[in-house]
Amino acid sequence: MTFVEANAAYEAWLRTQCAVVDAGLARKHKRMCKSSFAFLRATFFRWSELIERWCNDFKGTPPVLAVGDAHMENFGTWRDAEGRLVWGINDFDDAAVIPYAFDLVRLATSVRLAPGQQVSHRDMAEAILRGYRAGLDRPRPTLLDEHETWMRPFVARSDRDREAFWAEIADWPAAEPPAAAARGLRESLPTDASIVRFTSRVKGSGSLGRPRYAVVAGWRGGRIVREAKALVASGWDWAHGTSAAPSSFLTLANGRFRSPDPHLRVADGFIFRRIAADARKVELGDNAASLGERLLESMGFDIGAIHAAGSVKPGTLRADLEARPKGWLHEAAKTAAFEVEKDYAEWTRYCRCKS
């Protein structure tokens, strides 16, 4: 199946999962033309369909409840129940039981495809593996006031950023969410908050086309925001033709070695979360791969800590990891990136022919 055919099949399936927003899909199609990195972010379903063929040697690695769509812009910040600033993977929409190695391969592939690289591909892969081993051995959340303090300036919001944050919210169009989303948004607010307005929102890459709503409310002298995003089955389930299991989103988000966001919940087919200037996905843009090995180690560490919380013992994963030949992740990412580039080239040709 060509990529264009696979994309059409996936989008037809998506329409059976939620009320698709066609304008969001059109934006997604355009964004997929921007770069192979943006294309990778938006097409986990295709990765799920072919990664076992591209990297057959890892099909038999121990299966874990995995992130699935593990790429370098799938990390962000939130406040835990103690008000601490936490950093880590913050999107588990595509969580599924997957051979553990594929989370690492996808992360390494995203790094390889990202713009602005200043570290060799081989060194980047090794940095991810160092972090992953440490995450398996000493799993914990990444608290920016204690552990990765060097990261704080990178994730901090300036006054200009905060002004832009509220300006963006002011531009969100008014909307009437479906009953389940509206109810969940109301329930996510403090009991004495006063609703200012409901809005729709366009955000993300792979999730573009899924309905997203938000509520802006007043509470104790200021504004607060909550979001509802439609939750659908993992692209891994689509690719493997399996019946969609209950979402594992919260299982990973609230895992043993994480300090979860107390505002994050799943109900009635929607993910509800707090939206704030300091609770956000960190999109690296053109600086994605220029931040060096330290950031990549932290990313690998977070995935290791997530895997360590599952039913497979960390020692089992460690043993499989150590049995792999030197350079295996570098080579796997090289292979996967080559295949993604081929699909990306097909997609850009298709879009040019349509325009």
Protein backbone atom coordinates (compact mmCIF):
# COMPACT_ATOMS: atom_id res chain seq x y z
CA MET A 1 0.00 0.00 0.00
CA THR A 2 1.39 3.41 -0.94
CA PHE A 3 1.51 6.11 1.69
CA VAL A 4 -1.29 8.07 0.02
CA GLU A 5 -3.49 4.96 0.09
CA ALA A 6 -2.59 4.25 3.73
CA ASN A 7 -3.34 7.84 4.72
CA ALA A 8 -6.77 7.68 3.05
CA ALA A 9 -7.52 4.38 4.80
CA TYR A 10 -6.46 5.76 8.17
CA GLU A 11 -8.53 8.90 7.79
CA ALA A 12 -11.58 6.83 6.79
CA TRP A 13 -11.08 4.81 9.99
CA LEU A 14 -10.62 8.01 12.01
CA ARG A 15 -14.09 9.11 10.93
CA THR A 16 -15.47 6.04 12.67
CA GLN A 17 -13.70 7.07 15.88
CA CYS A 18 -14.68 10.73 16.28
CA ALA A 19 -16.36 13.69 14.59
CA VAL A 20 -13.47 14.65 12.31
CA VAL A 21 -12.76 18.34 11.79
CA ASP A 22 -12.02 18.65 8.07
CA ALA A 23 -10.23 21.99 8.44
CA GLY A 24 -7.89 20.32 10.93
CA LEU A 25 -7.14 17.52 8.50
CA ALA A 26 -6.39 20.06 5.75
CA ARG A 27 -3.98 21.82 8.10
CA LYS A 28 -2.37 18.49 8.93
CA HIS A 29 -1.89 17.68 5.24
CA LYS A 30 -0.19 21.02 4.70
CA ARG A 31 2.01 20.62 7.76
CA MET A 32 3.10 17.17 6.57
CA CYS A 33 4.71 18.88 3.56
CA LYS A 34 6.86 21.16 5.71
CA SER A 35 9.68 18.67 6.44
CA SER A 36 10.31 14.97 6.96
CA PHE A 37 10.43 15.69 10.70
CA ALA A 38 6.96 17.26 10.66
CA PHE A 39 5.79 14.39 8.47
CA LEU A 40 7.04 11.82 11.00
CA ARG A 41 5.23 13.62 13.83
CA ALA A 42 1.92 13.46 11.96
CA THR A 43 2.01 9.85 10.76
CA PHE A 44 2.38 7.44 13.66
CA PHE A 45 -0.22 5.22 11.99
CA ARG A 46 2.15 4.63 9.06
CA TRP A 47 5.09 3.99 11.37
CA SER A 48 2.96 1.41 13.18
CA GLU A 49 2.09 -0.25 9.90
CA LEU A 50 5.66 -0.68 8.64
CA ILE A 51 8.23 -0.42 11.47
CA GLU A 52 8.25 -4.18 12.07
CA ARG A 53 9.15 -4.63 8.40
CA TRP A 54 11.75 -1.87 8.39
CA CYS A 55 13.41 -3.08 11.60
CA ASN A 56 12.48 -6.74 11.75
CA ASP A 57 15.31 -7.58 14.18
CA PHE A 58 13.47 -5.80 16.99
CA LYS A 59 10.03 -7.29 16.45
CA GLY A 60 10.80 -9.95 19.05
CA THR A 61 12.07 -7.63 21.79
CA PRO A 62 10.06 -7.74 25.04
CA PRO A 63 6.68 -6.02 24.59
CA VAL A 64 5.81 -3.26 27.05
CA LEU A 65 3.02 -0.78 27.47
CA ALA A 66 4.84 1.81 25.39
CA VAL A 67 4.48 5.47 24.48
CA GLY A 68 4.15 4.52 20.81
CA ASP A 69 4.48 8.01 19.35
CA ALA A 70 7.79 8.73 21.09
CA HIS A 71 9.40 11.67 19.28
CA MET A 72 11.45 14.58 20.51
CA GLU A 73 8.60 17.09 20.50
CA ASN A 74 6.35 14.83 22.57
CA PHE A 75 7.75 16.26 25.81
CA GLY A 76 6.41 19.07 27.90
CA THR A 77 5.90 20.55 31.35
CA TRP A 78 3.14 20.43 33.94
CA ARG A 79 2.60 21.14 37.63
CA ASP A 80 2.10 18.17 39.95
CA ALA A 81 -0.14 18.06 43.03
CA GLU A 82 2.61 19.80 45.04
CA GLY A 83 2.97 22.59 42.49
CA ARG A 84 6.36 21.30 41.35
CA LEU A 85 7.35 21.85 37.72
CA VAL A 86 7.72 18.47 36.03
CA TRP A 87 9.10 17.68 32.57
CA GLY A 88 8.59 14.58 30.48
CA ILE A 89 6.45 12.91 27.86
CA ASN A 90 3.00 14.44 28.12
CA ASP A 91 1.04 12.80 25.30
CA PHE A 92 0.08 9.15 25.47
CA ASP A 93 -2.67 9.14 22.84
CA ASP A 94 -1.00 6.28 20.97
CA ALA A 95 0.00 4.15 23.95
CA ALA A 96 -0.11 0.44 23.14
CA VAL A 97 1.66 -2.82 23.90
CA ILE A 98 4.65 -2.64 21.56
CA PRO A 99 8.17 -4.16 21.53
CA TYR A 100 10.11 -1.78 23.79
CA ALA A 101 12.84 -1.09 21.22
CA PHE A 102 10.44 0.73 18.92
CA ASP A 103 9.97 3.61 21.38
CA LEU A 104 13.73 4.12 21.26
CA VAL A 105 13.91 3.75 17.48
CA ARG A 106 11.15 6.31 16.95
CA LEU A 107 12.80 8.83 19.27
CA ALA A 108 16.18 8.34 17.59
CA THR A 109 14.60 8.62 14.13
CA SER A 110 12.91 11.89 15.06
CA VAL A 111 16.25 13.26 16.24
CA ARG A 112 17.89 12.17 13.01
CA LEU A 113 15.24 13.93 10.91
CA ALA A 114 15.11 17.10 13.01
CA PRO A 115 16.69 20.31 11.67
CA GLY A 116 19.70 22.04 13.21
CA GLN A 117 21.72 18.98 14.18
CA GLN A 118 25.06 19.68 15.85
CA VAL A 119 25.84 16.21 17.19
CA SER A 120 26.64 13.14 15.09
CA HIS A 121 23.81 10.69 14.51
CA ARG A 122 25.78 7.95 16.23
CA ASP A 123 26.44 10.09 19.31
CA MET A 124 22.79 11.10 19.49
CA ALA A 125 21.69 7.45 19.49
CA GLU A 126 24.21 6.59 22.20
CA ALA A 127 23.01 9.51 24.34
CA ILE A 128 19.43 8.20 24.16
CA LEU A 129 20.61 4.74 25.19
CA ARG A 130 22.63 6.09 28.13
CA GLY A 131 19.58 7.89 29.38
CA TYR A 132 17.35 4.88 28.82
CA ARG A 133 19.62 2.59 30.83
CA ALA A 134 19.68 5.12 33.68
CA GLY A 135 15.89 5.40 33.56
CA LEU A 136 15.53 1.63 33.86
CA ASP A 137 18.06 1.47 36.71
CA ARG A 138 16.94 4.52 38.73
CA PRO A 139 13.45 5.47 37.56
CA ARG A 140 11.91 8.70 38.83
CA PRO A 141 10.08 11.77 37.50
CA THR A 142 12.11 14.70 36.18
CA LEU A 143 11.53 17.57 38.61
CA LEU A 144 13.01 20.79 37.30
CA ASP A 145 13.58 22.29 40.74
CA GLU A 146 15.79 19.37 41.81
CA HIS A 147 17.08 17.19 39.00
CA GLU A 148 17.47 18.70 35.55
CA THR A 149 17.86 22.27 36.80
CA TRP A 150 19.85 23.16 33.67
CA MET A 151 16.63 22.72 31.69
CA ARG A 152 14.70 25.47 33.48
CA PRO A 153 15.82 28.38 31.27
CA PHE A 154 14.91 26.33 28.21
CA VAL A 155 11.30 25.70 29.31
CA ALA A 156 10.74 29.06 31.03
CA ARG A 157 8.23 31.51 29.59
CA SER A 158 9.22 35.14 29.12
CA ASP A 159 6.79 38.02 29.61
CA ARG A 160 6.46 38.19 25.84
CA ASP A 161 5.66 34.46 25.69
CA ARG A 162 2.96 34.89 28.33
CA GLU A 163 1.43 37.79 26.45
CA ALA A 164 1.42 35.67 23.29
CA PHE A 165 -0.17 32.79 25.20
CA TRP A 166 -3.14 34.90 26.27
CA ALA A 167 -3.36 36.60 22.88
CA GLU A 168 -3.64 33.18 21.23
CA ILE A 169 -6.43 32.18 23.62
CA ALA A 170 -8.27 35.42 22.84
CA ASP A 171 -8.23 34.41 19.16
CA TRP A 172 -9.78 30.99 19.71
CA PRO A 173 -13.22 31.03 18.08
CA ALA A 174 -16.38 30.55 20.12
CA ALA A 175 -17.82 27.05 19.95
CA GLU A 176 -20.49 24.80 21.41
CA PRO A 177 -18.81 21.57 22.51
CA PRO A 178 -20.81 18.36 22.44
CA ALA A 179 -22.53 17.54 25.70
CA ALA A 180 -19.84 15.12 26.95
CA ALA A 181 -17.02 17.61 26.31
CA ALA A 182 -18.92 20.54 27.82
CA ARG A 183 -19.78 18.53 30.91
CA GLY A 184 -16.20 17.37 31.37
CA LEU A 185 -14.84 20.88 30.91
CA ARG A 186 -17.21 22.22 33.54
CA GLU A 187 -16.26 19.44 35.95
CA SER A 188 -12.56 20.16 35.43
CA LEU A 189 -12.95 23.69 36.82
CA PRO A 190 -12.96 24.75 40.48
CA THR A 191 -16.53 24.74 41.80
CA ASP A 192 -16.59 28.50 42.21
CA ALA A 193 -15.13 29.34 38.78
CA SER A 194 -17.30 31.36 36.40
CA ILE A 195 -17.30 30.31 32.75
CA VAL A 196 -16.41 33.11 30.36
CA ARG A 197 -16.72 31.17 27.11
CA PHE A 198 -16.32 27.84 25.33
CA THR A 199 -14.01 27.72 22.31
CA SER A 200 -12.63 25.36 19.71
CA ARG A 201 -8.90 24.92 19.29
CA VAL A 202 -6.53 23.74 16.54
CA LYS A 203 -3.27 22.31 17.82
CA GLY A 204 -0.85 19.41 17.42
CA SER A 205 0.29 17.36 14.45
CA GLY A 206 -0.83 13.75 14.56
CA SER A 207 -4.02 14.76 16.37
CA LEU A 208 -5.03 17.43 13.84
CA GLY A 209 -8.49 16.60 12.61
CA ARG A 210 -9.69 15.44 16.00
CA PRO A 211 -12.10 17.78 17.82
CA ARG A 212 -10.52 19.99 20.48
CA TYR A 213 -12.45 22.33 22.71
CA ALA A 214 -11.56 24.59 25.60
CA VAL A 215 -13.23 26.56 28.31
CA VAL A 216 -11.95 29.92 29.55
CA ALA A 217 -13.13 30.76 33.06
CA GLY A 218 -12.60 33.38 35.69
CA TRP A 219 -11.36 32.27 39.08
CA ARG A 220 -10.12 34.27 42.04
CA GLY A 221 -8.82 37.28 40.22
CA GLY A 222 -7.64 35.76 36.96
CA ARG A 223 -8.37 33.47 34.05
CA ILE A 224 -7.92 29.72 33.86
CA VAL A 225 -8.21 27.39 30.87
CA ARG A 226 -9.08 23.71 30.42
CA GLU A 227 -8.97 21.67 27.20
CA ALA A 228 -10.92 18.67 25.95
CA LYS A 229 -9.37 16.64 23.10
CA ALA A 230 -11.07 13.67 21.48
CA LEU A 231 -9.32 10.41 22.33
CA VAL A 232 -9.22 7.68 19.70
CA ALA A 233 -7.61 4.25 19.58
CA SER A 234 -3.86 4.02 19.05
CA GLY A 235 -2.53 4.06 15.51
CA TRP A 236 -0.83 0.80 16.46
CA ASP A 237 -4.26 -0.83 16.89
CA TRP A 238 -5.34 0.50 13.49
CA ALA A 239 -2.21 -0.79 11.79
CA HIS A 240 -2.51 -4.25 13.32
CA GLY A 241 -6.24 -4.62 12.84
CA THR A 242 -6.83 -5.26 16.51
CA SER A 243 -9.93 -4.35 18.44
CA ALA A 244 -9.33 -1.12 20.27
CA ALA A 245 -8.59 -1.85 23.91
CA PRO A 246 -9.52 0.63 26.66
CA SER A 247 -7.18 3.60 26.49
CA SER A 248 -3.87 3.22 28.34
CA PHE A 249 -3.33 6.98 28.38
CA LEU A 250 -3.76 7.41 32.13
CA THR A 251 -1.94 4.18 32.95
CA LEU A 252 1.25 5.69 31.56
CA ALA A 253 0.57 9.30 32.53
CA ASN A 254 0.03 8.26 36.16
CA GLY A 255 2.68 5.55 36.27
CA ARG A 256 4.66 4.59 39.39
CA PHE A 257 7.69 6.67 38.48
CA ARG A 258 5.90 9.83 37.37
CA SER A 259 4.58 12.80 39.31
CA PRO A 260 1.32 13.27 37.43
CA ASP A 261 -0.72 16.29 36.52
CA PRO A 262 -3.70 16.26 38.92
CA HIS A 263 -5.85 18.02 36.31
CA LEU A 264 -5.33 15.32 33.66
CA ARG A 265 -8.18 12.87 33.20
CA VAL A 266 -9.98 10.81 30.56
CA ALA A 267 -13.77 10.56 30.39
CA ASP A 268 -16.47 10.02 27.76
CA GLY A 269 -14.01 9.80 24.88
CA PHE A 270 -12.11 12.99 25.71
CA ILE A 271 -8.81 13.88 27.37
CA PHE A 272 -9.18 16.80 29.77
CA ARG A 273 -6.18 18.84 30.88
CA ARG A 274 -5.13 22.19 32.29
CA ILE A 275 -3.79 24.68 29.76
CA ALA A 276 -1.41 27.30 31.12
CA ALA A 277 1.72 29.19 30.13
CA ASP A 278 3.82 26.86 32.31
CA ALA A 279 1.97 23.65 31.42
CA ARG A 280 2.68 23.02 27.78
CA LYS A 281 4.21 20.86 25.13
CA VAL A 282 7.74 22.07 24.44
CA GLU A 283 8.00 22.39 20.65
CA LEU A 284 11.63 22.76 19.70
CA GLY A 285 11.13 23.88 16.11
CA ASP A 286 14.30 24.65 14.19
CA ASN A 287 16.39 24.16 17.36
CA ALA A 288 15.16 20.60 17.83
CA ALA A 289 18.48 18.82 17.50
CA SER A 290 20.83 21.62 18.54
CA LEU A 291 20.42 21.18 22.28
CA GLY A 292 22.97 18.43 22.56
CA GLU A 293 23.38 15.06 24.16
CA ARG A 294 22.24 16.16 27.60
CA LEU A 295 18.68 16.73 26.44
CA LEU A 296 18.67 13.44 24.54
CA GLU A 297 19.83 11.59 27.65
CA SER A 298 16.94 13.15 29.56
CA MET A 299 14.51 12.01 26.89
CA GLY A 300 15.89 8.48 26.96
CA PHE A 301 15.74 8.55 30.76
CA ASP A 302 12.04 9.44 30.76
CA ILE A 303 11.19 6.60 28.39
CA GLY A 304 13.25 4.22 30.54
CA ALA A 305 11.35 5.31 33.68
CA ILE A 306 8.03 4.83 31.88
CA HIS A 307 8.98 1.31 30.75
CA ALA A 308 10.33 0.45 34.21
CA ALA A 309 6.87 0.98 35.69
CA GLY A 310 5.29 -1.73 33.54
CA SER A 311 4.79 -5.44 34.03
CA VAL A 312 8.10 -6.39 32.36
CA LYS A 313 10.95 -6.27 34.88
CA PRO A 314 13.57 -3.63 34.13
CA GLY A 315 16.22 -6.34 34.39
CA THR A 316 14.61 -8.18 31.47
CA LEU A 317 14.72 -5.05 29.33
CA ARG A 318 18.29 -4.32 30.46
CA ALA A 319 19.40 -7.84 29.50
CA ASP A 320 17.89 -7.56 26.03
CA LEU A 321 19.44 -4.14 25.63
CA GLU A 322 22.93 -5.34 26.54
CA ALA A 323 22.64 -8.27 24.12
CA ARG A 324 22.23 -5.87 21.20
CA PRO A 325 25.31 -5.15 19.05
CA LYS A 326 27.04 -1.79 19.41
CA GLY A 327 25.46 0.81 17.18
CA TRP A 328 22.13 -0.99 16.82
CA LEU A 329 19.99 2.06 17.56
CA HIS A 330 22.00 4.26 15.20
CA GLU A 331 21.54 1.73 12.38
CA ALA A 332 17.84 1.18 13.09
CA ALA A 333 17.16 4.94 13.10
CA LYS A 334 19.11 5.28 9.85
CA THR A 335 16.94 2.60 8.21
CA ALA A 336 13.69 4.02 9.54
CA ALA A 337 14.59 7.59 8.57
CA PHE A 338 15.34 6.45 5.01
CA GLU A 339 11.89 4.85 4.75
CA VAL A 340 10.15 7.88 6.25
CA GLU A 341 11.93 10.10 3.73
CA LYS A 342 10.55 7.93 0.91
CA ASP A 343 6.99 8.33 2.18
CA TYR A 344 7.57 12.05 2.67
CA ALA A 345 8.75 12.39 -0.93
CA GLU A 346 5.66 10.55 -2.15
CA TRP A 347 3.41 12.82 -0.11
CA THR A 348 4.99 16.05 -1.34
CA ARG A 349 4.71 14.85 -4.96
CA TYR A 350 1.05 14.05 -4.36
CA CYS A 351 0.37 17.46 -2.84
CA ARG A 352 2.09 19.25 -5.73
CA CYS A 353 -0.05 17.33 -8.23
CA LYS A 354 -3.23 18.30 -6.37
CA SER A 355 -2.38 22.01 -6.20
